[in-house]
Amino acid sequence: MKPSEIINIITSIEDNFPVDTWVVKGIHVWPLLRIELKSKIFEAYHLPVSRNVSKNSGFLKIKKLLFLCKNAAKYGWNYLLDYSHNDKVNRRCEAVFLSYSLHRSLLNGKWYDRCCDPLISAMEELGKKCFLFEVEEGSPDYDYRIPRFKPSVYIKGYIDYVKIKQFFLRGKSQSKEVNLKGFAEFIGYLKEKQIKIKYPQINNLIFRVSVILELAEYFIKAFGILKPQVAFVADYYSTIERFAYILACRKMEIPCIDIQHGAGCEDYSVAYARWKKVPKEGYELLPTIFWCWGKREAEVIRQWNSNVSDFHYPFVGGNPWLDLWNNKSGEPTKSYNEKIAKLKNRINKPYFILFTLDLFFGIPDWFAKVIQLSSDEFYWWIRIHPAQVSQRKRIEDELKKYNLTNIELDYATSLPLPALLQHCDIHVTGVSSSSIEALYFGVPTIVTHKDAQETYSELIAAGKISQAYTTEDLMKMIRSLAVNKGKNTKDSDTELSDSTAIGKTREFFQQINKILNNGGQF
């Protein structure tokens, strides 16, 4: 099912049902349901590989218990190993952040949060104190990435505690706390449309809201000590504690800013696009401000926020992580330039292609054939998605069956993406947001999954991203781009002006100050 078809289903529900009035325990729950529906439809219709899950509920409960015990021990071990970077909620600050370990990249021996650390550094340059909450989460295991670049406080253990507690309290909520007029008809609508998913259940919705409310109390208490003026969250829609964090900000009247972390802020994104029904005072579970990389993404928000612009609005702030790499003679660019130059000299191939794996799509046979056919001219850096690092052995085994000799997996995965993009000649991916990041450095991208036709339709139409869906087409495209090596230019929207590039001008820092001093209004 195409991205456009998924969001069309979502918006048709908003057209036909009073989703903006659905309330559980005082919380408008449509944002939860919207994201849940998208995920379930995507998994049911879109993933190429089905997920094999045991139907033995007793076995699953024991497995979950063992998992929690294992990770409690893992937490204690990593807490001690990186003790100097454990923060405590015992001081005041101007800005709080919520991120998770998956956003960290290894940078000169320390794990750098590419979403939050650039902004934290900017705040500190302004003399503002910051505090970072971190969810030590990866896939399929909790992923601790230590030593951390800056201190944080791990909160996954408390999140698990709240979930377990609320699980045993299920069934004790009163029906008067629920106002879901038309919910049964909404489920009937999904069935009528033959949307083949596990349909949302009211009991599960009550459970999730209960978890959100209790976690929100944790953040409210923390905010009472920290006294922040502004809050940032990376990837606002991905996990339940992020909704709790946003709700706590709303209750404490703290402007909450979602930091764009990928190409999800596009016209077919369920999290960002086409909110057709929003309460007059906005949703408690949506951020106040959407920090966008460029004008394209900001326009996606502006298409729906006109009636609630006091509660939800965009700000074009650029990509702070990529802006760190602008200084060619400074750090971190200089040290990584030297490392990669040595690697390239050792390999001695005329062209280097970076292939970034998508989280949900593997390496098709036709694509592997391209790597085989291009062994004389092209050397391929194959980068595993950050959420798939734990699956490295499986991916290595998958590549071995093709007997490829012109690939590099280790450095392509461990080195920072911006460092690689500055040295590759061509970037290839299924539909990854690394396509947008490649544009920042003027690297031509070829997309190989047909979802990209919609995700990057504007950029494809403008000739900034190319497409190839067969062995022949991809071979032809990479040879064509190789001939034009060095002639590509940066995307004018992605390469922002100096007035918004972090670390480049005082004007940007003044914009940050406006958040701190004017209640979140730019």
Protein backbone atom coordinates (compact mmCIF):
# COMPACT_ATOMS: atom_id res chain seq x y z
CA MET A 1 0.00 0.00 0.00
CA LYS A 2 1.42 3.38 -1.03
CA PRO A 3 2.08 6.16 1.52
CA SER A 4 -0.63 8.24 -0.17
CA GLU A 5 -3.16 5.44 0.25
CA ILE A 6 -2.38 5.13 3.95
CA ILE A 7 -2.80 8.82 4.69
CA ASN A 8 -5.94 8.92 2.52
CA ILE A 9 -7.45 6.25 4.78
CA ILE A 10 -6.54 8.35 7.82
CA THR A 11 -7.98 11.57 6.45
CA SER A 12 -11.16 9.81 5.30
CA ILE A 13 -11.68 8.76 8.92
CA GLU A 14 -11.29 12.39 10.00
CA ASP A 15 -13.87 13.38 7.39
CA ASN A 16 -16.39 10.83 8.58
CA PHE A 17 -16.00 10.71 12.36
CA PRO A 18 -15.73 13.27 15.21
CA VAL A 19 -12.16 12.29 16.04
CA ASP A 20 -11.40 15.70 17.54
CA THR A 21 -13.96 15.02 20.30
CA TRP A 22 -12.65 11.59 21.32
CA VAL A 23 -11.43 11.92 24.90
CA VAL A 24 -10.13 9.40 27.42
CA LYS A 25 -9.40 10.56 30.96
CA GLY A 26 -9.42 14.18 29.81
CA ILE A 27 -7.02 13.61 26.90
CA HIS A 28 -7.86 13.93 23.20
CA VAL A 29 -6.67 10.56 21.91
CA TRP A 30 -6.84 10.93 18.14
CA PRO A 31 -3.06 11.53 17.82
CA LEU A 32 -2.48 8.14 19.49
CA LEU A 33 -4.97 6.41 17.22
CA ARG A 34 -3.70 8.15 14.10
CA ILE A 35 -0.13 6.97 14.66
CA GLU A 36 -1.30 3.49 15.69
CA LEU A 37 -3.37 3.08 12.55
CA LYS A 38 -0.52 4.13 10.30
CA SER A 39 1.86 1.66 11.95
CA LYS A 40 -0.58 -1.23 11.78
CA ILE A 41 -1.52 -0.59 8.16
CA PHE A 42 2.12 -0.23 7.18
CA GLU A 43 3.08 -3.50 8.86
CA ALA A 44 0.11 -5.41 7.46
CA TYR A 45 0.35 -4.24 3.86
CA HIS A 46 3.80 -2.87 3.39
CA LEU A 47 6.53 -4.90 5.04
CA PRO A 48 8.04 -7.49 2.72
CA VAL A 49 8.61 -9.94 5.59
CA SER A 50 5.90 -11.06 7.99
CA ARG A 51 6.67 -11.05 11.69
CA ASN A 52 6.53 -14.46 13.27
CA VAL A 53 5.10 -14.02 16.76
CA SER A 54 4.27 -16.88 19.09
CA LYS A 55 0.58 -17.16 19.96
CA ASN A 56 1.39 -18.77 23.33
CA SER A 57 0.53 -15.92 25.71
CA GLY A 58 2.11 -17.68 28.71
CA PHE A 59 5.38 -18.10 26.85
CA LEU A 60 5.32 -14.45 25.78
CA LYS A 61 4.80 -13.26 29.38
CA ILE A 62 7.74 -15.34 30.61
CA LYS A 63 9.88 -14.11 27.73
CA LYS A 64 8.96 -10.49 28.54
CA LEU A 65 9.75 -10.99 32.23
CA LEU A 66 13.17 -12.46 31.41
CA PHE A 67 13.75 -9.59 29.00
CA LEU A 68 13.00 -7.01 31.70
CA CYS A 69 15.24 -8.80 34.23
CA LYS A 70 18.09 -8.96 31.73
CA ASN A 71 17.83 -5.28 30.94
CA ALA A 72 17.57 -4.25 34.58
CA ALA A 73 20.99 -5.86 35.04
CA LYS A 74 22.18 -4.25 31.82
CA TYR A 75 21.05 -0.85 33.08
CA GLY A 76 23.03 -1.22 36.30
CA TRP A 77 26.16 -2.28 34.46
CA ASN A 78 26.08 0.59 31.97
CA TYR A 79 25.12 3.10 34.66
CA LEU A 80 28.34 2.24 36.47
CA LEU A 81 30.50 2.06 33.34
CA ASP A 82 29.50 5.59 32.30
CA TYR A 83 28.92 6.91 35.82
CA SER A 84 30.42 10.35 35.16
CA HIS A 85 27.76 11.03 32.52
CA ASN A 86 24.75 10.21 34.70
CA ASP A 87 22.79 13.37 35.40
CA LYS A 88 20.39 13.98 38.29
CA VAL A 89 17.16 15.95 38.56
CA ASN A 90 18.51 18.25 41.27
CA ARG A 91 19.26 21.57 39.59
CA ARG A 92 17.70 24.32 37.50
CA CYS A 93 18.03 24.69 33.74
CA GLU A 94 16.61 26.72 30.88
CA ALA A 95 16.00 23.86 28.43
CA VAL A 96 15.10 20.17 28.74
CA PHE A 97 15.47 17.52 26.06
CA LEU A 98 14.05 14.03 25.52
CA SER A 99 15.83 11.69 23.14
CA TYR A 100 16.77 8.05 22.90
CA SER A 101 20.02 6.16 22.51
CA LEU A 102 19.31 5.17 18.94
CA HIS A 103 19.95 8.79 17.93
CA ARG A 104 23.56 8.61 19.08
CA SER A 105 26.47 8.41 16.61
CA LEU A 106 30.04 7.56 17.59
CA LEU A 107 32.07 10.74 17.22
CA ASN A 108 35.77 10.67 18.10
CA GLY A 109 35.28 8.04 20.78
CA LYS A 110 32.07 9.37 22.35
CA TRP A 111 28.43 8.77 21.48
CA TYR A 112 26.95 12.03 20.24
CA ASP A 113 23.19 12.62 20.16
CA ARG A 114 22.81 13.97 16.64
CA CYS A 115 19.33 15.40 17.36
CA CYS A 116 19.87 17.04 20.74
CA ASP A 117 23.60 17.61 21.34
CA PRO A 118 24.03 20.28 18.63
CA LEU A 119 21.21 22.30 20.17
CA ILE A 120 22.48 21.70 23.70
CA SER A 121 25.87 23.03 22.63
CA ALA A 122 24.18 26.08 21.10
CA MET A 123 22.27 26.69 24.32
CA GLU A 124 25.43 26.39 26.38
CA GLU A 125 27.14 28.90 24.10
CA LEU A 126 24.34 31.26 25.07
CA GLY A 127 25.06 30.56 28.73
CA LYS A 128 21.90 28.46 29.08
CA LYS A 129 21.88 25.27 31.15
CA CYS A 130 20.32 22.13 29.68
CA PHE A 131 19.08 18.75 30.88
CA LEU A 132 18.71 15.56 28.80
CA PHE A 133 16.30 12.70 29.50
CA GLU A 134 17.35 9.60 27.58
CA VAL A 135 15.42 6.45 26.78
CA GLU A 136 17.95 3.67 26.39
CA GLU A 137 16.13 1.98 23.57
CA GLY A 138 17.12 0.14 20.44
CA SER A 139 15.92 -2.81 18.43
CA PRO A 140 15.34 -5.50 19.49
CA ASP A 141 17.26 -4.91 22.73
CA TYR A 142 17.79 -1.83 24.90
CA ASP A 143 20.86 -0.19 23.43
CA TYR A 144 23.25 1.69 25.69
CA ARG A 145 25.71 3.78 23.74
CA ILE A 146 28.50 4.82 26.07
CA PRO A 147 30.47 6.87 26.85
CA ARG A 148 27.97 9.66 26.21
CA PHE A 149 29.11 12.99 24.76
CA LYS A 150 27.06 14.91 27.33
CA PRO A 151 25.36 13.76 30.54
CA SER A 152 21.82 12.39 30.55
CA VAL A 153 19.46 10.57 32.88
CA TYR A 154 18.24 7.12 31.82
CA ILE A 155 14.48 6.65 32.30
CA LYS A 156 13.58 3.38 30.55
CA GLY A 157 13.46 1.46 33.83
CA TYR A 158 10.80 3.78 35.22
CA ILE A 159 8.82 3.57 31.98
CA ASP A 160 8.78 -0.24 32.24
CA TYR A 161 7.68 0.00 35.88
CA VAL A 162 4.73 2.23 34.95
CA LYS A 163 3.68 -0.05 32.10
CA ILE A 164 3.74 -3.12 34.35
CA LYS A 165 1.84 -1.30 37.09
CA GLN A 166 -0.86 -0.05 34.72
CA PHE A 167 -1.13 -3.50 33.15
CA PHE A 168 -2.21 -4.94 36.50
CA LEU A 169 -4.58 -2.02 37.08
CA ARG A 170 -6.43 -2.68 33.82
CA GLY A 171 -10.18 -2.85 34.10
CA LYS A 172 -10.40 -0.44 37.02
CA SER A 173 -11.08 2.63 34.87
CA GLN A 174 -14.66 3.88 34.87
CA SER A 175 -16.66 4.24 31.64
CA LYS A 176 -17.52 7.84 32.55
CA GLU A 177 -13.87 8.70 31.83
CA VAL A 178 -14.33 7.77 28.18
CA ASN A 179 -16.04 9.82 25.48
CA LEU A 180 -15.65 8.00 22.16
CA LYS A 181 -18.87 8.75 20.33
CA GLY A 182 -18.84 6.98 16.98
CA PHE A 183 -15.91 4.67 17.88
CA ALA A 184 -17.85 1.48 17.12
CA GLU A 185 -18.90 2.93 13.77
CA PHE A 186 -15.26 3.84 13.12
CA ILE A 187 -14.22 0.19 13.63
CA GLY A 188 -17.09 -0.85 11.36
CA TYR A 189 -15.79 1.59 8.74
CA LEU A 190 -12.35 -0.06 8.83
CA LYS A 191 -13.95 -3.47 8.40
CA GLU A 192 -16.14 -2.23 5.56
CA LYS A 193 -13.05 -0.87 3.80
CA GLN A 194 -11.41 -4.26 4.39
CA ILE A 195 -8.45 -2.74 6.21
CA LYS A 196 -6.87 -6.01 7.36
CA ILE A 197 -5.30 -5.05 10.66
CA LYS A 198 -5.85 -5.75 14.34
CA TYR A 199 -8.39 -3.05 15.09
CA PRO A 200 -7.88 -0.52 17.91
CA GLN A 201 -9.50 -1.53 21.20
CA ILE A 202 -10.92 0.80 23.82
CA ASN A 203 -9.36 -1.14 26.71
CA ASN A 204 -5.92 -0.83 25.15
CA LEU A 205 -6.50 2.85 24.53
CA ILE A 206 -7.43 3.38 28.19
CA PHE A 207 -4.28 1.50 29.21
CA ARG A 208 -2.05 3.67 27.04
CA VAL A 209 -3.64 6.89 28.30
CA SER A 210 -3.17 5.67 31.89
CA VAL A 211 0.53 5.08 31.19
CA ILE A 212 0.84 8.51 29.57
CA LEU A 213 -0.81 10.25 32.52
CA GLU A 214 1.43 8.57 35.10
CA LEU A 215 4.58 9.22 33.07
CA ALA A 216 3.47 12.82 32.58
CA GLU A 217 3.37 13.18 36.38
CA TYR A 218 7.00 12.04 36.49
CA PHE A 219 7.99 14.76 34.03
CA ILE A 220 5.84 17.38 35.80
CA LYS A 221 7.64 16.66 39.07
CA ALA A 222 11.00 16.83 37.29
CA PHE A 223 10.06 20.09 35.58
CA GLY A 224 9.07 21.49 38.99
CA ILE A 225 12.70 21.06 40.07
CA LEU A 226 14.40 21.88 36.77
CA LYS A 227 12.23 24.96 36.03
CA PRO A 228 12.77 24.81 32.21
CA GLN A 229 11.54 27.57 29.94
CA VAL A 230 11.51 25.40 26.83
CA ALA A 231 11.46 21.68 26.02
CA PHE A 232 12.73 19.73 23.02
CA VAL A 233 11.78 16.21 21.94
CA ALA A 234 13.29 14.10 19.17
CA ASP A 235 10.92 11.86 17.20
CA TYR A 236 7.78 12.95 19.08
CA TYR A 237 5.43 10.23 17.81
CA SER A 238 7.53 7.08 18.16
CA THR A 239 7.01 5.95 21.76
CA ILE A 240 4.54 6.44 24.56
CA GLU A 241 6.82 8.43 26.90
CA ARG A 242 7.18 11.13 24.27
CA PHE A 243 3.43 11.75 24.38
CA ALA A 244 3.68 11.89 28.17
CA TYR A 245 6.52 14.41 27.93
CA ILE A 246 4.51 16.60 25.53
CA LEU A 247 1.47 16.39 27.83
CA ALA A 248 3.58 17.42 30.82
CA CYS A 249 4.84 20.43 28.85
CA ARG A 250 1.27 21.37 27.99
CA LYS A 251 0.16 21.16 31.63
CA MET A 252 3.17 23.18 32.78
CA GLU A 253 2.74 25.73 29.92
CA ILE A 254 6.22 25.00 28.59
CA PRO A 255 6.59 25.28 24.78
CA CYS A 256 7.55 21.86 23.42
CA ILE A 257 9.59 21.63 20.21
CA ASP A 258 9.76 18.51 18.05
CA ILE A 259 13.16 18.22 16.33
CA GLN A 260 12.92 16.86 12.80
CA HIS A 261 15.16 13.79 12.58
CA GLY A 262 14.42 12.40 9.13
CA ALA A 263 12.36 12.78 5.99
CA GLY A 264 9.17 11.95 7.88
CA CYS A 265 8.03 15.58 7.80
CA GLU A 266 6.66 15.22 4.28
CA ASP A 267 3.26 15.48 2.59
CA TYR A 268 2.40 11.79 3.17
CA SER A 269 3.56 11.67 6.79
CA VAL A 270 0.76 10.73 9.17
CA ALA A 271 2.66 12.36 12.06
CA TYR A 272 3.04 15.75 10.36
CA ALA A 273 0.71 16.15 7.39
CA ARG A 274 -3.00 16.76 6.76
CA TRP A 275 -4.45 17.05 10.25
CA LYS A 276 -7.99 17.91 9.14
CA LYS A 277 -9.69 17.96 12.55
CA VAL A 278 -7.89 19.62 15.44
CA PRO A 279 -9.61 20.95 18.61
CA LYS A 280 -9.69 24.75 18.84
CA GLU A 281 -6.97 24.68 21.51
CA GLY A 282 -4.90 22.06 19.74
CA TYR A 283 -4.05 18.52 20.78
CA GLU A 284 -2.44 17.97 24.18
CA LEU A 285 -0.28 15.23 22.63
CA LEU A 286 1.14 17.30 19.75
CA PRO A 287 4.22 19.54 20.11
CA THR A 288 3.88 23.31 20.15
CA ILE A 289 6.60 23.90 17.56
CA PHE A 290 7.83 21.67 14.75
CA TRP A 291 11.53 22.31 14.14
CA CYS A 292 11.89 21.73 10.38
CA TRP A 293 15.02 21.24 8.31
CA GLY A 294 13.75 23.36 5.44
CA LYS A 295 10.89 25.29 3.86
CA ARG A 296 9.34 22.20 2.23
CA GLU A 297 8.75 20.53 5.58
CA ALA A 298 7.48 23.71 7.24
CA GLU A 299 4.91 24.13 4.49
CA VAL A 300 3.49 20.68 5.34
CA ILE A 301 2.61 22.05 8.80
CA ARG A 302 1.28 25.35 7.47
CA GLN A 303 -1.19 23.54 5.24
CA TRP A 304 -3.27 22.55 8.27
CA ASN A 305 -2.33 24.72 11.27
CA SER A 306 -3.98 28.06 10.37
CA ASN A 307 -6.84 27.64 12.87
CA VAL A 308 -4.58 26.47 15.69
CA SER A 309 -1.40 28.44 14.95
CA ASP A 310 -1.14 29.56 18.59
CA PHE A 311 -0.76 25.91 19.62
CA HIS A 312 1.02 24.16 16.71
CA TYR A 313 3.34 25.84 14.21
CA PRO A 314 6.60 25.26 12.30
CA PHE A 315 10.02 26.86 12.56
CA VAL A 316 12.68 26.47 9.87
CA GLY A 317 15.84 25.83 11.89
CA GLY A 318 17.90 23.69 9.53
CA ASN A 319 19.67 20.45 10.33
CA PRO A 320 21.97 21.23 13.28
CA TRP A 321 23.76 17.86 13.06
CA LEU A 322 24.79 18.39 9.46
CA ASP A 323 25.78 21.99 10.07
CA LEU A 324 28.52 20.74 12.40
CA TRP A 325 30.32 19.44 9.32
CA ASN A 326 30.38 22.73 7.39
CA ASN A 327 33.86 23.74 8.55
CA LYS A 328 36.15 21.69 6.32
CA SER A 329 39.28 22.52 8.33
CA GLY A 330 37.73 22.19 11.79
CA GLU A 331 36.41 19.35 13.93
CA PRO A 332 34.82 16.92 13.45
CA THR A 333 35.33 17.16 9.66
CA LYS A 334 39.13 17.33 9.71
CA SER A 335 39.80 14.14 11.68
CA TYR A 336 37.29 12.10 9.68
CA ASN A 337 38.58 13.46 6.38
CA GLU A 338 41.95 11.99 7.25
CA LYS A 339 40.50 8.60 8.26
CA ILE A 340 38.38 8.23 5.14
CA ALA A 341 41.14 9.47 2.82
CA LYS A 342 43.35 6.63 4.09
CA LEU A 343 40.58 4.11 3.50
CA LYS A 344 40.01 5.31 -0.05
CA ASN A 345 43.70 5.24 -0.88
CA ARG A 346 43.94 1.67 0.38
CA ILE A 347 41.01 0.54 -1.78
CA ASN A 348 42.08 2.47 -4.89
CA LYS A 349 38.83 2.49 -6.87
CA PRO A 350 37.75 5.38 -9.12
CA TYR A 351 34.23 5.75 -7.65
CA PHE A 352 32.72 5.28 -4.21
CA ILE A 353 28.99 4.64 -3.74
CA LEU A 354 27.28 4.83 -0.35
CA PHE A 355 24.28 2.52 0.00
CA THR A 356 22.19 3.27 3.12
CA LEU A 357 19.96 0.42 4.19
CA ASP A 358 16.37 1.24 5.13
CA LEU A 359 14.94 0.00 8.41
CA PHE A 360 12.27 -2.16 6.75
CA PHE A 361 13.72 -3.06 3.36
CA GLY A 362 16.60 -5.43 2.74
CA ILE A 363 18.88 -5.97 -0.24
CA PRO A 364 16.94 -7.33 -3.23
CA ASP A 365 18.61 -9.80 -5.59
CA TRP A 366 18.46 -7.40 -8.51
CA PHE A 367 20.34 -4.78 -6.49
CA ALA A 368 23.07 -7.20 -5.42
CA LYS A 369 23.56 -7.98 -9.13
CA VAL A 370 24.45 -4.33 -9.70
CA ILE A 371 27.19 -4.52 -7.08
CA GLN A 372 28.57 -7.63 -8.76
CA LEU A 373 28.55 -6.08 -12.23
CA SER A 374 30.24 -2.89 -11.04
CA SER A 375 33.17 -4.48 -9.19
CA ASP A 376 35.85 -3.06 -11.51
CA GLU A 377 34.83 0.59 -11.25
CA PHE A 378 32.72 1.09 -8.16
CA TYR A 379 33.36 0.39 -4.50
CA TRP A 380 30.23 0.16 -2.35
CA TRP A 381 30.00 1.32 1.25
CA ILE A 382 26.99 -0.48 2.71
CA ARG A 383 25.66 1.26 5.80
CA ILE A 384 23.39 -0.63 8.21
CA HIS A 385 20.47 1.36 9.63
CA PRO A 386 21.16 2.46 13.26
CA ALA A 387 18.16 0.43 14.48
CA GLN A 388 19.52 -2.72 12.78
CA VAL A 389 23.00 -2.79 14.28
CA SER A 390 21.95 -5.74 16.46
CA GLN A 391 21.07 -7.59 13.21
CA ARG A 392 24.54 -7.09 11.76
CA LYS A 393 25.32 -10.85 11.58
CA ARG A 394 22.13 -11.52 9.62
CA ILE A 395 22.94 -8.75 7.12
CA GLU A 396 26.53 -9.96 6.75
CA ASP A 397 25.29 -13.49 6.04
CA GLU A 398 22.84 -12.11 3.50
CA LEU A 399 25.65 -10.31 1.67
CA LYS A 400 27.96 -13.34 1.75
CA LYS A 401 25.61 -15.39 -0.40
CA TYR A 402 26.24 -12.97 -3.28
CA ASN A 403 30.07 -13.38 -3.05
CA LEU A 404 30.59 -9.63 -3.28
CA THR A 405 34.20 -8.41 -3.29
CA ASN A 406 33.75 -4.66 -3.72
CA ILE A 407 31.93 -3.77 -0.50
CA GLU A 408 32.76 -2.29 2.91
CA LEU A 409 30.35 -2.81 5.80
CA ASP A 410 32.25 -2.05 9.01
CA TYR A 411 33.48 1.50 8.39
CA ALA A 412 30.35 2.36 6.41
CA THR A 413 28.27 1.56 9.49
CA SER A 414 30.53 2.87 12.26
CA LEU A 415 31.64 6.20 10.77
CA PRO A 416 29.25 9.21 10.99
CA LEU A 417 26.94 9.56 8.01
CA PRO A 418 27.95 13.19 7.23
CA ALA A 419 31.61 12.15 7.07
CA LEU A 420 30.77 9.45 4.53
CA LEU A 421 28.55 11.73 2.46
CA GLN A 422 31.38 14.22 2.07
CA HIS A 423 33.53 11.54 0.44
CA CYS A 424 31.17 9.41 -1.65
CA ASP A 425 30.45 10.10 -5.32
CA ILE A 426 26.90 8.70 -5.41
CA HIS A 427 24.35 7.84 -2.74
CA VAL A 428 21.87 4.99 -3.22
CA THR A 429 19.00 4.01 -0.92
CA GLY A 430 15.55 2.50 -0.94
CA VAL A 431 13.65 5.41 0.59
CA SER A 432 15.81 6.54 3.52
CA SER A 433 15.85 10.14 4.74
CA SER A 434 19.60 10.06 4.10
CA SER A 435 18.50 11.21 0.63
CA ILE A 436 17.76 14.65 2.10
CA GLU A 437 21.07 14.68 3.94
CA ALA A 438 22.94 13.78 0.76
CA LEU A 439 21.40 16.84 -0.93
CA TYR A 440 22.93 18.99 1.80
CA PHE A 441 26.39 17.94 0.62
CA GLY A 442 25.57 18.03 -3.08
CA VAL A 443 25.76 14.23 -3.43
CA PRO A 444 23.43 12.77 -6.10
CA THR A 445 20.95 10.20 -4.78
CA ILE A 446 19.29 7.27 -6.54
CA VAL A 447 16.23 5.79 -4.83
CA THR A 448 15.38 2.13 -5.48
CA HIS A 449 12.08 1.55 -3.68
CA LYS A 450 8.85 2.69 -5.32
CA ASP A 451 7.59 4.34 -2.12
CA ALA A 452 10.17 7.03 -2.87
CA GLN A 453 8.11 8.11 -5.89
CA GLU A 454 5.67 9.69 -3.44
CA THR A 455 7.97 10.46 -0.52
CA TYR A 456 10.32 12.51 -2.71
CA SER A 457 7.95 13.37 -5.55
CA GLU A 458 8.85 17.07 -5.55
CA LEU A 459 12.60 16.42 -5.49
CA ILE A 460 12.32 13.76 -8.19
CA ALA A 461 10.27 16.10 -10.38
CA ALA A 462 12.93 18.79 -9.90
CA GLY A 463 15.66 16.37 -10.96
CA LYS A 464 17.37 16.46 -7.54
CA ILE A 465 16.80 12.75 -6.84
CA SER A 466 16.93 9.97 -9.45
CA GLN A 467 15.06 6.66 -9.59
CA ALA A 468 16.03 3.11 -10.58
CA TYR A 469 14.05 -0.07 -9.93
CA THR A 470 15.86 -2.68 -12.05
CA THR A 471 19.44 -3.89 -12.47
CA GLU A 472 19.70 -2.32 -15.91
CA ASP A 473 18.27 1.04 -14.84
CA LEU A 474 20.50 1.31 -11.79
CA MET A 475 23.65 0.42 -13.74
CA LYS A 476 22.75 3.01 -16.34
CA MET A 477 22.02 5.66 -13.71
CA ILE A 478 25.20 5.21 -11.67
CA ARG A 479 27.34 5.33 -14.82
CA SER A 480 25.57 8.50 -15.92
CA LEU A 481 26.08 10.18 -12.54
CA ALA A 482 29.70 9.04 -12.40
CA VAL A 483 30.38 10.84 -15.69
CA ASN A 484 29.04 14.05 -14.13
CA LYS A 485 31.09 13.63 -10.94
CA GLY A 486 31.74 16.97 -9.28
CA LYS A 487 29.03 18.81 -11.20
CA ASN A 488 26.29 18.39 -8.60
CA THR A 489 25.19 21.31 -6.43
CA LYS A 490 23.62 21.51 -3.00
CA ASP A 491 19.86 21.77 -2.74
CA SER A 492 18.94 25.41 -2.14
CA ASP A 493 16.26 24.53 0.41
CA THR A 494 18.39 22.03 2.34
CA GLU A 495 21.43 24.30 2.43
CA LEU A 496 19.92 27.02 4.57
CA SER A 497 21.03 30.62 4.72
CA ASP A 498 23.56 31.72 7.32
CA SER A 499 20.76 33.31 9.36
CA THR A 500 19.46 29.88 10.37
CA ALA A 501 22.55 27.63 10.24
CA ILE A 502 23.44 26.57 13.75
CA GLY A 503 26.90 27.53 14.91
CA LYS A 504 27.33 30.02 12.06
CA THR A 505 25.79 33.30 13.17
CA ARG A 506 24.60 35.05 16.26
CA GLU A 507 21.23 35.53 14.58
CA PHE A 508 20.45 31.87 15.08
CA PHE A 509 21.29 32.11 18.76
CA GLN A 510 18.97 35.10 19.01
CA GLN A 511 16.18 32.93 17.62
CA ILE A 512 16.84 30.43 20.41
CA ASN A 513 16.68 33.27 22.91
CA LYS A 514 13.26 34.22 21.58
CA ILE A 515 11.99 30.79 22.62
CA LEU A 516 13.48 31.20 26.05
CA ASN A 517 12.31 34.76 26.62
CA ASN A 518 9.00 34.98 24.72
CA GLY A 519 7.15 31.87 25.79
CA GLY A 520 7.96 29.92 22.66
CA GLN A 521 6.79 32.55 20.15
CA PHE A 522 9.18 33.39 17.32
